[in-house]
Amino acid sequence: MKTIKPDSDPPELQIAPLIDCVFQLLIFFMVSASLVKSEGDLGIKLPGMVQQAATVDMPDEQIIEVRSNDEVYLNGQIFGHPSRQELPDLVATLERYLAASLASRNKAMITIWAADDTRHQRVVDVMDACAAAGIEYVTFTAAAE
C-alpha cells in the first residue's frame, strides 16, 4: 500500500529570537564591563625600600673557606666549632648578607672554597647553612695550591 505524504514546507530559521538573545548578551557584557575597575585606577601604594644617603658597594659574591681542619671562614672570621655540624652564626650572617643584597637589587652569591683534604660532610654543612639562609646561588672553586 502506497502512502501519500502531505506536502510540507521546508523548515525555516526564525531570526527574531536569535536577535533578542544577541542583544541581551550585548547589554549584559556592556553593563558588567563598566563595573570592573582597572588596576591603574586603584589607589594602592606598595611598600618601598628605604632610600640610602650614600651608596654602599656590595661585593658580588662571598667566599666561604672550608679548611682541612674543618674550620669555616667567611671574611676572615671563623664560624662554628669544627666538632659541631650546626653553623648558626654562619646562617645568621648569610641571612643578613641576603637581605643586604636584595635591598641593593643584587644576587646573593656564595662561592665555597674547600681544601683538597676537607671532609665532604663539612662542605655539606656549609651548603646546609646556605640553604637555611635562603641563598640559591652557590658555586664551588678549586683550591689553588
Protein backbone atom coordinates (compact mmCIF):
# COMPACT_ATOMS: atom_id res chain seq x y z
CA MET A 1 0.00 0.00 0.00
CA LYS A 2 1.27 3.33 -1.01
CA THR A 3 1.03 6.19 1.46
CA ILE A 4 0.81 9.73 0.38
CA LYS A 5 2.86 12.22 2.29
CA PRO A 6 1.34 15.61 2.72
CA ASP A 7 3.28 18.42 1.17
CA SER A 8 5.27 20.14 3.88
CA ASP A 9 7.12 23.38 3.71
CA PRO A 10 10.87 23.23 4.36
CA PRO A 11 11.81 24.31 7.91
CA GLU A 12 12.61 27.96 8.34
CA LEU A 13 15.08 29.54 10.72
CA GLN A 14 13.42 32.13 12.88
CA ILE A 15 15.73 35.07 13.33
CA ALA A 16 13.73 37.16 15.83
CA PRO A 17 14.56 35.05 18.93
CA LEU A 18 18.22 34.87 17.86
CA ILE A 19 18.42 38.66 17.57
CA ASP A 20 16.78 39.05 21.00
CA CYS A 21 19.34 36.69 22.56
CA VAL A 22 22.28 38.52 20.95
CA PHE A 23 21.03 41.90 22.19
CA GLN A 24 20.57 40.56 25.72
CA LEU A 25 24.16 39.22 25.72
CA LEU A 26 25.45 42.52 24.37
CA ILE A 27 23.66 44.51 27.08
CA PHE A 28 24.89 42.11 29.79
CA PHE A 29 28.54 42.46 28.74
CA MET A 30 28.29 46.24 28.44
CA VAL A 31 26.86 46.56 31.95
CA SER A 32 29.30 44.13 33.57
CA ALA A 33 32.34 45.66 31.84
CA SER A 34 31.69 49.07 33.35
CA LEU A 35 31.72 47.62 36.89
CA VAL A 36 35.31 46.38 36.70
CA LYS A 37 37.91 48.90 37.77
CA SER A 38 41.25 48.74 36.01
CA GLU A 39 44.40 48.28 38.09
CA GLY A 40 45.70 51.72 37.20
CA ASP A 41 42.70 53.36 38.87
CA LEU A 42 43.25 51.72 42.24
CA GLY A 43 44.99 53.95 44.77
CA ILE A 44 47.43 51.41 46.20
CA LYS A 45 50.91 52.29 47.39
CA LEU A 46 53.28 49.38 47.63
CA PRO A 47 55.90 49.37 50.36
CA GLY A 48 59.22 50.58 49.05
CA MET A 49 62.82 50.32 50.01
CA VAL A 50 64.41 52.79 52.39
CA GLN A 51 66.45 55.30 50.46
CA GLN A 52 70.11 55.32 51.42
CA ALA A 53 72.01 58.56 51.85
CA ALA A 54 75.19 57.08 50.40
CA THR A 55 75.60 54.17 48.07
CA VAL A 56 77.07 51.04 49.55
CA ASP A 57 79.21 48.86 47.34
CA MET A 58 78.24 45.26 47.95
CA PRO A 59 80.62 42.60 46.80
CA ASP A 60 79.19 40.41 44.07
CA GLU A 61 79.95 37.26 45.97
CA GLN A 62 81.15 35.99 49.30
CA ILE A 63 83.77 33.25 49.55
CA ILE A 64 83.42 30.70 52.33
CA GLU A 65 86.63 28.82 53.08
CA VAL A 66 86.46 25.30 54.45
CA ARG A 67 89.89 24.29 55.65
CA SER A 68 91.27 20.82 56.20
CA ASN A 69 90.85 21.07 59.98
CA ASP A 70 87.06 21.63 59.47
CA GLU A 71 87.22 25.33 60.27
CA VAL A 72 84.83 27.52 58.28
CA TYR A 73 85.91 31.08 57.45
CA LEU A 74 83.93 33.94 55.94
CA ASN A 75 85.69 37.29 55.53
CA GLY A 76 88.49 36.15 57.81
CA GLN A 77 86.14 35.29 60.66
CA ILE A 78 85.74 31.72 61.90
CA PHE A 79 82.21 30.31 62.19
CA GLY A 80 81.14 27.31 64.21
CA HIS A 81 83.20 24.76 66.06
CA PRO A 82 84.90 22.04 63.99
CA SER A 83 83.30 19.32 66.11
CA ARG A 84 79.70 20.58 65.62
CA GLN A 85 77.69 20.21 62.44
CA GLU A 86 75.41 23.18 63.02
CA LEU A 87 76.60 26.63 61.95
CA PRO A 88 74.02 29.04 63.42
CA ASP A 89 76.33 32.07 63.34
CA LEU A 90 77.06 31.48 59.66
CA VAL A 91 73.34 31.17 58.89
CA ALA A 92 72.61 34.47 60.64
CA THR A 93 75.45 36.22 58.79
CA LEU A 94 74.29 34.80 55.44
CA GLU A 95 70.72 35.93 56.13
CA ARG A 96 71.97 39.49 56.71
CA TYR A 97 74.04 39.27 53.51
CA LEU A 98 70.97 38.08 51.58
CA ALA A 99 68.85 40.94 52.95
CA ALA A 100 71.52 43.50 52.05
CA SER A 101 71.87 42.03 48.55
CA LEU A 102 68.13 42.14 47.98
CA ALA A 103 67.98 45.75 49.20
CA SER A 104 70.66 46.74 46.70
CA ARG A 105 69.00 44.60 43.99
CA ASN A 106 71.97 42.24 43.60
CA LYS A 107 72.11 38.48 43.57
CA ALA A 108 73.44 36.92 46.75
CA MET A 109 76.13 34.56 45.51
CA ILE A 110 78.31 32.31 47.61
CA THR A 111 81.46 30.50 46.48
CA ILE A 112 82.63 27.60 48.60
CA TRP A 113 86.38 27.11 48.58
CA ALA A 114 87.30 23.79 50.17
CA ALA A 115 90.79 22.42 50.74
CA ASP A 116 91.64 19.17 48.98
CA ASP A 117 91.68 17.11 52.18
CA THR A 118 88.50 18.58 53.69
CA ARG A 119 85.82 16.13 54.80
CA HIS A 120 82.81 16.15 52.47
CA GLN A 121 80.45 16.35 55.44
CA ARG A 122 81.82 19.76 56.40
CA VAL A 123 81.18 21.08 52.89
CA VAL A 124 77.64 19.70 53.12
CA ASP A 125 77.25 21.53 56.45
CA VAL A 126 78.19 24.80 54.75
CA MET A 127 75.74 24.08 51.92
CA ASP A 128 73.02 23.41 54.51
CA ALA A 129 73.79 26.78 56.13
CA CYS A 130 73.43 28.48 52.73
CA ALA A 131 70.10 26.73 52.15
CA ALA A 132 68.86 27.67 55.64
CA ALA A 133 69.71 31.32 54.92
CA GLY A 134 67.79 31.17 51.62
CA ILE A 135 70.74 31.66 49.29
CA GLU A 136 70.21 29.93 45.95
CA TYR A 137 73.36 30.78 44.02
CA VAL A 138 76.12 28.59 45.45
CA THR A 139 79.20 27.64 43.44
CA PHE A 140 82.45 25.83 44.17
CA THR A 141 86.01 26.69 43.36
CA ALA A 142 89.11 24.56 43.28
CA ALA A 143 91.89 25.12 45.73
CA ALA A 144 94.77 26.95 44.12
CA GLU A 145 97.99 25.48 45.51
